[in-house]
Amino acid sequence: MNTESLKPLADRMRPRTLDEYIGQTHVIAPGKPLYEAIKAGRLHSMIFWGPPGTGKTTLARLVAHHADAEFSPLSAVLSGVKEIREQVAEAKRRLAERNRRTLLFVDEVHRFNKSQQDAFLPHVEDGTVFFIGATTENPSFELNNALLSRSRVYVLRPLTEDELLTALDRALNDPERGYGGRGLEIAEAVRRWYAKAADGDARKALNLLEITVDLMDSGQRTVTPELAHEVLAGGGVRRFDKQGEDFYNQISALHKAVRGSAPDASLYWLCRMLDGGCDPLYLARRIVRIASEDIGNADPRALELALNAWDVQERLGSPEGELALAQAVLYLACAPKSNAVYTAYQAARTDAAATGSLEVPLHLRNAPTGLMKQLDYGKQYRYAHDEPDAYAAGENYFPEGLSPRAYYRPAPRGLEIKIAEKLAHLRALDKSR
């Protein structure tokens, strides 16, 4: 039996030359520096950063192929310092005995800890190996600065629907590695279903196609819409890593859309995160934060509504509770915006940390005992309710050594317009004392 035929379709269809490579035209196209370097066989250390199925491993193999270098793969999930040292020792022998260069490819390189990354760094520096790392996580967070400074980072993007269609068509028509010998027929509309379900992942697209063909009878040639629906049902979950880059990018997009008063985009990002499996209670907490940070006193009802939505989510659970989250997000997006509370809070925190343990002024201290009264605790305190308009004009509530501050500056929007008018009136009374 041909062992090649036992491999998964995605592995069989892996591009063998740079001209077969699909996608990433922003870095892999004639005239682009990386394309020209690979074509010329010029090696340098690289990091390929992108979602699954975007061609990171394939591109690394092509780099080795065009440079006539030994492709030496390691998985950061399965390997440790011992395996790294073995690969480096083999690379040294290869270079000494055959004058052949080695490309050390580390898949999931973000899984390596600092000591593991340090283990191969000296051998990258002295030219024993050339290094290519593949990662789905942001390298600036996951990789050592020393390794980053010696490598060029290339960002790989999800494949477009048309690029995924090209990969599918190639598999359907290739008689050697794909299904070209079976004469399969799939309508373009159905093929687009597969491309859409793959969500930018070429491996996923080919895996879905392979499952479909495996379910077909030996004499069957047409992939029917019914069969496609059966295979693709439930296969459209979007990329969402609860600990990774997509997670933080999407919550950032939701927050910024609400802040930008874009209700439709805000609702989209909420649904996108729910579709990807985000914990609704996490979203509820973030929505409450947004209500305070970006709306505040411009519309105090926003915080109340956000808390109510959180309560509904806890009481009803999914999917009923998500409707309350959607209501809160839409209200927050449409509400007047103000970061005056957030800005005031940050400024006051800075002063509190910088000024040390300033004593509470005597007139503001509590005086529950006779001794405290003898020490003038609370003396000369002006009870605001006994003053005209219930306001002790000109009174100072800051500690000695800290001049009065104006942290809170209401925004000219929503209820804060009225708050600003009230504060302006009180300050005018202060000046009249």
Protein backbone atom coordinates (compact mmCIF):
# COMPACT_ATOMS: atom_id res chain seq x y z
CA MET A 1 0.00 0.00 0.00
CA ASN A 2 1.21 3.51 -0.81
CA THR A 3 1.96 5.12 2.56
CA GLU A 4 1.42 8.54 0.99
CA SER A 5 -2.27 7.72 0.53
CA LEU A 6 -2.59 7.08 4.26
CA LYS A 7 -1.67 10.64 5.13
CA PRO A 8 -4.44 13.18 5.75
CA LEU A 9 -5.51 15.16 2.69
CA ALA A 10 -4.18 18.42 4.17
CA ASP A 11 -0.73 16.87 4.54
CA ARG A 12 -0.78 15.33 1.05
CA MET A 13 -1.76 18.67 -0.49
CA ARG A 14 0.95 20.65 1.27
CA PRO A 15 2.61 22.91 -1.35
CA ARG A 16 5.96 21.54 -2.57
CA THR A 17 7.27 24.73 -4.17
CA LEU A 18 6.90 28.42 -3.52
CA ASP A 19 4.80 28.80 -6.67
CA GLU A 20 2.24 26.35 -5.23
CA TYR A 21 1.92 28.31 -1.99
CA ILE A 22 -1.52 29.88 -1.49
CA GLY A 23 -2.14 33.19 0.26
CA GLN A 24 0.06 35.61 2.22
CA THR A 25 0.65 37.74 -0.86
CA HIS A 26 1.55 40.66 1.41
CA VAL A 27 4.85 38.86 2.14
CA ILE A 28 5.00 36.04 -0.44
CA ALA A 29 4.83 37.64 -3.87
CA PRO A 30 7.43 38.44 -6.52
CA GLY A 31 9.35 41.51 -5.48
CA LYS A 32 8.62 41.10 -1.78
CA PRO A 33 11.80 40.76 0.33
CA LEU A 34 10.84 37.41 1.88
CA TYR A 35 9.82 35.93 -1.48
CA GLU A 36 13.07 36.98 -3.11
CA ALA A 37 15.14 35.74 -0.16
CA ILE A 38 13.48 32.31 -0.29
CA LYS A 39 13.86 32.08 -4.06
CA ALA A 40 17.56 32.93 -3.75
CA GLY A 41 18.06 30.42 -0.93
CA ARG A 42 19.14 33.11 1.55
CA LEU A 43 18.47 31.98 5.11
CA HIS A 44 17.80 34.17 8.11
CA SER A 45 16.08 33.51 11.43
CA MET A 46 12.35 34.14 11.29
CA ILE A 47 9.16 33.90 13.30
CA PHE A 48 5.89 33.20 11.53
CA TRP A 49 2.96 34.52 13.55
CA GLY A 50 -0.58 33.76 12.49
CA PRO A 51 -3.75 31.74 13.14
CA PRO A 52 -3.90 27.96 12.55
CA GLY A 53 -3.98 26.78 8.96
CA THR A 54 -2.35 29.84 7.41
CA GLY A 55 0.73 28.02 6.11
CA LYS A 56 3.38 28.59 8.79
CA THR A 57 4.84 25.07 8.74
CA THR A 58 4.53 24.81 4.98
CA LEU A 59 6.37 28.07 4.47
CA ALA A 60 9.17 26.93 6.77
CA ARG A 61 9.52 23.72 4.74
CA LEU A 62 9.68 25.75 1.54
CA VAL A 63 12.40 27.95 3.01
CA ALA A 64 14.47 24.84 3.73
CA HIS A 65 13.74 23.37 0.29
CA HIS A 66 14.79 26.45 -1.66
CA ALA A 67 17.90 26.91 0.51
CA ASP A 68 18.85 23.23 0.15
CA ALA A 69 18.98 23.02 3.95
CA GLU A 70 18.01 20.16 6.25
CA PHE A 71 14.56 20.69 7.71
CA SER A 72 14.80 19.79 11.39
CA PRO A 73 11.41 20.10 13.12
CA LEU A 74 10.67 20.33 16.84
CA SER A 75 7.33 20.66 18.58
CA ALA A 76 7.43 22.90 21.63
CA VAL A 77 4.52 20.85 23.00
CA LEU A 78 6.47 17.58 22.95
CA SER A 79 10.13 18.65 23.15
CA GLY A 80 12.43 19.97 25.86
CA VAL A 81 16.04 21.02 26.31
CA LYS A 82 17.23 17.42 25.73
CA GLU A 83 15.66 17.27 22.27
CA ILE A 84 17.00 20.73 21.42
CA ARG A 85 20.55 19.67 22.29
CA GLU A 86 20.19 16.51 20.20
CA GLN A 87 19.05 18.53 17.18
CA VAL A 88 21.90 21.01 17.63
CA ALA A 89 24.48 18.20 17.91
CA GLU A 90 23.14 16.64 14.72
CA ALA A 91 23.27 20.02 12.99
CA LYS A 92 26.94 20.41 13.97
CA ARG A 93 27.77 16.95 12.54
CA ARG A 94 25.84 17.70 9.38
CA LEU A 95 27.69 20.98 8.88
CA ALA A 96 31.12 19.44 9.58
CA GLU A 97 30.72 16.23 7.57
CA ARG A 98 28.50 17.33 4.67
CA ASN A 99 28.73 21.13 4.77
CA ARG A 100 24.92 21.16 4.83
CA ARG A 101 23.01 23.83 6.68
CA THR A 102 20.19 23.06 9.12
CA LEU A 103 16.93 24.91 9.52
CA LEU A 104 15.64 24.31 13.04
CA PHE A 105 11.86 24.70 12.94
CA VAL A 106 10.07 25.03 16.27
CA ASP A 107 6.30 24.70 16.04
CA GLU A 108 4.22 26.34 18.80
CA VAL A 109 7.40 28.12 19.91
CA HIS A 110 5.43 30.20 22.41
CA ARG A 111 5.11 27.02 24.51
CA PHE A 112 8.87 27.04 25.20
CA ASN A 113 9.85 28.65 28.50
CA LYS A 114 12.81 31.01 28.86
CA SER A 115 15.38 28.28 29.59
CA GLN A 116 14.23 26.26 26.57
CA GLN A 117 14.46 29.30 24.30
CA ASP A 118 17.90 30.09 25.72
CA ALA A 119 19.06 26.55 24.93
CA PHE A 120 19.20 27.09 21.17
CA LEU A 121 19.85 30.84 21.10
CA PRO A 122 23.71 30.55 21.16
CA HIS A 123 23.58 28.10 18.26
CA VAL A 124 21.46 30.53 16.26
CA GLU A 125 23.99 33.27 16.97
CA ASP A 126 27.03 31.21 15.89
CA GLY A 127 25.34 29.95 12.70
CA THR A 128 25.10 26.29 13.70
CA VAL A 129 21.39 26.41 12.90
CA PHE A 130 19.01 28.85 11.29
CA PHE A 131 15.85 29.24 13.32
CA ILE A 132 12.22 29.51 12.28
CA GLY A 133 9.52 29.60 14.93
CA ALA A 134 5.79 29.25 14.34
CA THR A 135 3.33 30.73 16.81
CA THR A 136 -0.33 31.59 17.07
CA GLU A 137 0.41 33.99 19.94
CA ASN A 138 1.82 37.51 19.93
CA PRO A 139 5.62 37.04 19.92
CA SER A 140 6.21 40.25 21.85
CA PHE A 141 4.45 38.67 24.84
CA GLU A 142 5.62 35.08 24.52
CA LEU A 143 9.24 35.13 23.27
CA ASN A 144 12.48 36.30 24.83
CA ASN A 145 13.69 39.71 23.72
CA ALA A 146 17.06 38.16 22.82
CA LEU A 147 15.35 35.75 20.42
CA LEU A 148 13.08 38.42 19.00
CA SER A 149 16.00 40.76 18.33
CA ARG A 150 17.72 38.08 16.22
CA SER A 151 14.65 37.10 14.20
CA ARG A 152 12.45 38.79 11.66
CA VAL A 153 8.73 38.49 12.49
CA TYR A 154 6.36 37.83 9.59
CA VAL A 155 2.63 38.11 10.25
CA LEU A 156 0.52 35.56 8.36
CA ARG A 157 -3.15 36.33 7.81
CA PRO A 158 -6.23 34.09 7.60
CA LEU A 159 -6.83 32.93 4.04
CA THR A 160 -9.62 34.60 2.10
CA GLU A 161 -12.60 32.65 0.79
CA ASP A 162 -11.19 32.79 -2.73
CA GLU A 163 -7.82 31.48 -1.53
CA LEU A 164 -9.55 28.64 0.30
CA LEU A 165 -11.52 27.86 -2.86
CA THR A 166 -8.21 27.60 -4.71
CA ALA A 167 -6.97 25.08 -2.13
CA LEU A 168 -10.19 23.07 -2.39
CA ASP A 169 -10.17 23.09 -6.18
CA ARG A 170 -6.56 21.97 -6.23
CA ALA A 171 -7.41 19.01 -3.98
CA LEU A 172 -10.43 18.10 -6.12
CA ASN A 173 -8.44 18.19 -9.37
CA ASP A 174 -5.05 16.76 -8.36
CA PRO A 175 -5.00 13.09 -9.54
CA GLU A 176 -1.82 12.22 -7.60
CA ARG A 177 -2.39 13.68 -4.14
CA GLY A 178 -6.05 14.67 -4.18
CA TYR A 179 -9.31 13.42 -5.69
CA GLY A 180 -8.66 14.18 -9.35
CA GLY A 181 -9.04 10.54 -10.28
CA ARG A 182 -12.55 10.27 -8.86
CA GLY A 183 -14.16 12.97 -10.98
CA LEU A 184 -15.96 14.55 -8.05
CA GLU A 185 -18.46 17.30 -8.70
CA ILE A 186 -19.23 20.05 -6.20
CA ALA A 187 -21.22 23.13 -7.15
CA GLU A 188 -19.41 26.41 -6.62
CA ALA A 189 -22.01 27.54 -4.08
CA VAL A 190 -21.39 24.38 -2.05
CA ARG A 191 -17.62 24.79 -2.30
CA ARG A 192 -18.07 28.29 -0.89
CA TRP A 193 -19.89 26.79 2.09
CA TYR A 194 -16.74 24.82 2.84
CA ALA A 195 -14.55 27.89 2.41
CA LYS A 196 -16.77 29.94 4.73
CA ALA A 197 -16.92 27.20 7.37
CA ALA A 198 -13.11 26.92 7.36
CA ASP A 199 -12.86 30.52 8.62
CA GLY A 200 -9.50 31.30 7.04
CA ASP A 201 -7.94 27.91 7.88
CA ALA A 202 -6.76 25.89 4.86
CA ARG A 203 -6.17 22.76 6.94
CA LYS A 204 -9.74 22.91 8.23
CA ALA A 205 -11.13 23.36 4.71
CA LEU A 206 -9.28 20.29 3.44
CA ASN A 207 -10.21 18.25 6.52
CA LEU A 208 -13.90 19.04 5.96
CA LEU A 209 -13.57 18.01 2.32
CA GLU A 210 -11.85 14.77 3.31
CA ILE A 211 -14.61 13.91 5.80
CA THR A 212 -17.18 14.52 3.07
CA VAL A 213 -15.46 12.23 0.58
CA ASP A 214 -15.05 9.51 3.23
CA LEU A 215 -18.84 9.57 3.78
CA MET A 216 -19.60 9.13 0.09
CA ASP A 217 -20.28 5.77 -1.53
CA SER A 218 -17.52 4.48 -3.80
CA GLY A 219 -19.55 5.16 -6.94
CA GLN A 220 -20.94 8.50 -5.84
CA ARG A 221 -19.48 11.48 -7.72
CA THR A 222 -21.59 14.46 -6.66
CA VAL A 223 -21.36 16.15 -3.27
CA THR A 224 -24.98 17.04 -2.61
CA PRO A 225 -26.06 20.08 -0.58
CA GLU A 226 -27.62 17.70 1.95
CA LEU A 227 -24.33 15.88 2.53
CA ALA A 228 -22.45 19.15 2.78
CA HIS A 229 -24.90 20.46 5.37
CA GLU A 230 -24.48 17.28 7.39
CA VAL A 231 -20.68 17.63 7.42
CA LEU A 232 -20.61 21.35 8.04
CA ALA A 233 -23.27 21.41 10.78
CA GLY A 234 -21.67 22.84 13.89
CA GLY A 235 -18.36 23.37 12.13
CA GLY A 236 -18.53 27.13 11.89
CA VAL A 237 -17.20 28.15 15.29
CA ARG A 238 -14.99 31.17 14.89
CA ARG A 239 -11.41 31.55 16.11
CA PHE A 240 -11.43 32.46 19.77
CA ASP A 241 -8.66 31.66 22.24
CA LYS A 242 -9.64 32.52 25.80
CA GLN A 243 -6.00 33.08 26.70
CA GLY A 244 -4.71 34.48 23.45
CA GLU A 245 -4.47 37.32 21.00
CA ASP A 246 -7.95 36.99 19.48
CA PHE A 247 -9.57 37.18 22.90
CA TYR A 248 -7.98 40.49 23.83
CA ASN A 249 -8.39 41.94 20.35
CA GLN A 250 -12.10 41.18 20.31
CA ILE A 251 -12.86 42.53 23.77
CA SER A 252 -10.88 45.62 22.79
CA ALA A 253 -13.01 45.97 19.66
CA LEU A 254 -16.22 45.66 21.70
CA HIS A 255 -15.07 48.28 24.20
CA LYS A 256 -13.93 50.72 21.52
CA ALA A 257 -17.13 50.29 19.50
CA VAL A 258 -19.26 51.13 22.55
CA ARG A 259 -17.00 54.09 23.37
CA GLY A 260 -17.31 55.23 19.77
CA SER A 261 -21.15 55.20 19.96
CA ALA A 262 -21.43 52.51 17.26
CA PRO A 263 -24.34 50.31 18.41
CA ASP A 264 -24.36 47.97 15.42
CA ALA A 265 -20.62 47.26 15.57
CA SER A 266 -20.87 46.88 19.36
CA LEU A 267 -23.58 44.27 18.97
CA TYR A 268 -21.55 42.45 16.32
CA TRP A 269 -18.50 42.11 18.59
CA LEU A 270 -20.65 40.97 21.49
CA CYS A 271 -22.19 38.25 19.32
CA ARG A 272 -18.81 37.37 17.82
CA MET A 273 -17.38 36.68 21.28
CA LEU A 274 -20.45 34.72 22.38
CA ASP A 275 -20.27 32.70 19.16
CA GLY A 276 -16.63 31.90 19.91
CA GLY A 277 -17.44 30.54 23.36
CA CYS A 278 -16.63 33.52 25.60
CA ASP A 279 -18.04 33.26 29.13
CA PRO A 280 -21.11 35.58 29.20
CA LEU A 281 -20.36 36.51 32.81
CA TYR A 282 -16.93 37.78 31.77
CA LEU A 283 -18.65 39.95 29.17
CA ALA A 284 -21.12 41.15 31.82
CA ARG A 285 -18.23 42.31 34.03
CA ARG A 286 -16.60 44.14 31.14
CA ILE A 287 -19.89 45.83 30.22
CA VAL A 288 -20.18 47.15 33.79
CA ARG A 289 -16.63 48.50 33.52
CA ILE A 290 -17.48 50.26 30.26
CA ALA A 291 -20.53 51.86 31.89
CA SER A 292 -18.35 53.50 34.54
CA GLU A 293 -15.30 54.26 32.40
CA ASP A 294 -16.88 55.68 29.28
CA ILE A 295 -20.33 56.94 30.34
CA GLY A 296 -20.16 57.57 34.05
CA ASN A 297 -22.33 60.43 35.26
CA ALA A 298 -23.27 61.52 31.76
CA ASP A 299 -25.99 58.85 32.17
CA PRO A 300 -25.92 57.08 35.55
CA ARG A 301 -28.66 54.73 34.33
CA ALA A 302 -26.05 53.00 32.17
CA LEU A 303 -24.32 51.47 35.19
CA GLU A 304 -27.66 50.37 36.64
CA LEU A 305 -28.69 48.74 33.36
CA ALA A 306 -25.31 47.00 33.04
CA LEU A 307 -25.62 45.59 36.56
CA ASN A 308 -29.17 44.46 35.80
CA ALA A 309 -27.95 42.66 32.68
CA TRP A 310 -25.28 40.89 34.74
CA ASP A 311 -27.97 39.85 37.23
CA VAL A 312 -30.23 38.55 34.45
CA GLN A 313 -27.36 36.53 32.97
CA GLU A 314 -26.67 34.93 36.36
CA ARG A 315 -30.35 34.20 36.98
CA LEU A 316 -31.36 32.90 33.55
CA GLY A 317 -28.08 31.65 32.11
CA SER A 318 -27.69 30.97 28.40
CA PRO A 319 -29.14 31.65 25.93
CA GLU A 320 -31.85 33.83 27.53
CA GLY A 321 -29.44 35.96 29.53
CA GLU A 322 -27.48 37.07 26.48
CA LEU A 323 -30.43 39.17 25.32
CA ALA A 324 -30.02 41.34 28.43
CA LEU A 325 -26.31 41.74 27.64
CA ALA A 326 -27.26 42.84 24.12
CA GLN A 327 -29.74 45.35 25.56
CA ALA A 328 -27.08 46.79 27.85
CA VAL A 329 -24.47 47.01 25.09
CA LEU A 330 -26.87 48.83 22.77
CA TYR A 331 -27.89 51.26 25.53
CA LEU A 332 -24.28 51.99 26.44
CA ALA A 333 -23.33 52.52 22.80
CA CYS A 334 -26.17 55.03 22.35
CA ALA A 335 -25.66 56.81 25.69
CA PRO A 336 -23.80 60.14 25.99
CA LYS A 337 -20.10 59.55 26.61
CA SER A 338 -17.92 60.86 29.39
CA ASN A 339 -14.66 59.64 30.89
CA ALA A 340 -14.71 62.38 33.52
CA VAL A 341 -15.20 59.91 36.40
CA TYR A 342 -12.39 57.69 35.13
CA THR A 343 -10.02 60.62 34.62
CA ALA A 344 -10.83 62.10 38.03
CA TYR A 345 -10.33 58.75 39.74
CA GLN A 346 -6.92 58.22 38.12
CA ALA A 347 -5.77 61.74 39.03
CA ALA A 348 -6.90 61.37 42.65
CA ARG A 349 -5.18 57.99 42.91
CA THR A 350 -1.95 59.54 41.67
CA ASP A 351 -2.12 62.29 44.30
CA ALA A 352 -3.03 59.86 47.07
CA ALA A 353 0.00 57.71 46.24
CA ALA A 354 2.38 60.64 45.81
CA THR A 355 1.51 62.78 48.84
CA GLY A 356 1.96 60.19 51.56
CA SER A 357 0.08 60.06 54.89
CA LEU A 358 -1.19 63.62 55.14
CA GLU A 359 -3.19 64.07 58.33
CA VAL A 360 -6.93 64.66 58.33
CA PRO A 361 -7.56 68.31 59.28
CA LEU A 362 -8.88 68.76 62.85
CA HIS A 363 -12.20 70.24 61.74
CA LEU A 364 -12.95 67.13 59.67
CA ARG A 365 -12.10 64.59 62.35
CA ASN A 366 -14.66 62.54 64.23
CA ALA A 367 -15.01 63.45 67.93
CA PRO A 368 -16.94 60.70 69.77
CA THR A 369 -15.10 61.15 73.12
CA GLY A 370 -14.44 64.01 75.50
CA LEU A 371 -10.69 63.73 75.04
CA MET A 372 -11.05 64.12 71.30
CA LYS A 373 -13.15 67.22 71.77
CA GLN A 374 -10.51 68.65 74.13
CA LEU A 375 -7.98 68.09 71.35
CA ASP A 376 -10.19 70.18 69.02
CA TYR A 377 -11.33 67.21 66.93
CA GLY A 378 -14.26 68.48 64.86
CA LYS A 379 -13.88 72.05 66.11
CA GLN A 380 -15.05 74.75 63.71
CA TYR A 381 -16.65 72.16 61.43
CA ARG A 382 -19.46 73.75 59.48
CA TYR A 383 -22.49 71.47 59.18
CA ALA A 384 -23.56 71.87 55.55
CA HIS A 385 -27.27 71.38 56.26
CA ASP A 386 -27.26 74.44 58.51
CA GLU A 387 -25.77 76.63 55.77
CA PRO A 388 -27.69 78.49 53.02
CA ASP A 389 -28.49 76.12 50.13
CA ALA A 390 -27.03 73.32 52.34
CA TYR A 391 -23.55 74.37 51.19
CA ALA A 392 -20.69 75.60 53.37
CA ALA A 393 -19.22 78.07 50.90
CA GLY A 394 -15.46 78.47 51.04
CA GLU A 395 -14.89 75.38 53.23
CA ASN A 396 -11.74 73.32 52.51
CA TYR A 397 -11.93 69.54 52.73
CA PHE A 398 -8.40 68.71 51.57
CA PRO A 399 -5.60 67.95 54.08
CA GLU A 400 -3.02 70.58 54.97
CA GLY A 401 -0.11 70.41 52.58
CA LEU A 402 -2.30 69.59 49.61
CA SER A 403 -3.86 72.54 47.84
CA PRO A 404 -7.43 72.06 46.62
CA ARG A 405 -7.66 70.11 43.38
CA ALA A 406 -10.25 69.95 40.59
CA TYR A 407 -10.13 66.28 39.59
CA TYR A 408 -13.66 66.01 38.30
CA ARG A 409 -14.41 67.97 35.16
CA PRO A 410 -17.87 66.98 33.88
CA ALA A 411 -18.20 66.49 30.16
CA PRO A 412 -20.57 68.75 28.22
CA ARG A 413 -22.89 65.80 27.52
CA GLY A 414 -25.91 64.19 29.10
CA LEU A 415 -26.59 64.68 32.80
CA GLU A 416 -23.06 66.03 33.32
CA ILE A 417 -24.18 69.28 31.71
CA LYS A 418 -26.41 69.82 34.76
CA ILE A 419 -23.67 68.62 37.13
CA ALA A 420 -21.23 71.12 35.60
CA GLU A 421 -23.75 73.93 36.07
CA LYS A 422 -24.21 72.94 39.73
CA LEU A 423 -20.45 72.86 40.38
CA ALA A 424 -19.97 76.22 38.67
CA HIS A 425 -22.63 77.72 40.94
CA LEU A 426 -20.93 76.31 44.05
CA ARG A 427 -17.54 77.63 42.99
CA ALA A 428 -19.08 81.06 42.48
CA LEU A 429 -20.35 80.89 46.09
CA ASP A 430 -16.83 79.93 47.23
CA LYS A 431 -15.39 83.04 45.57
CA SER A 432 -18.03 85.25 47.13
CA ARG A 433 -16.95 84.34 50.69
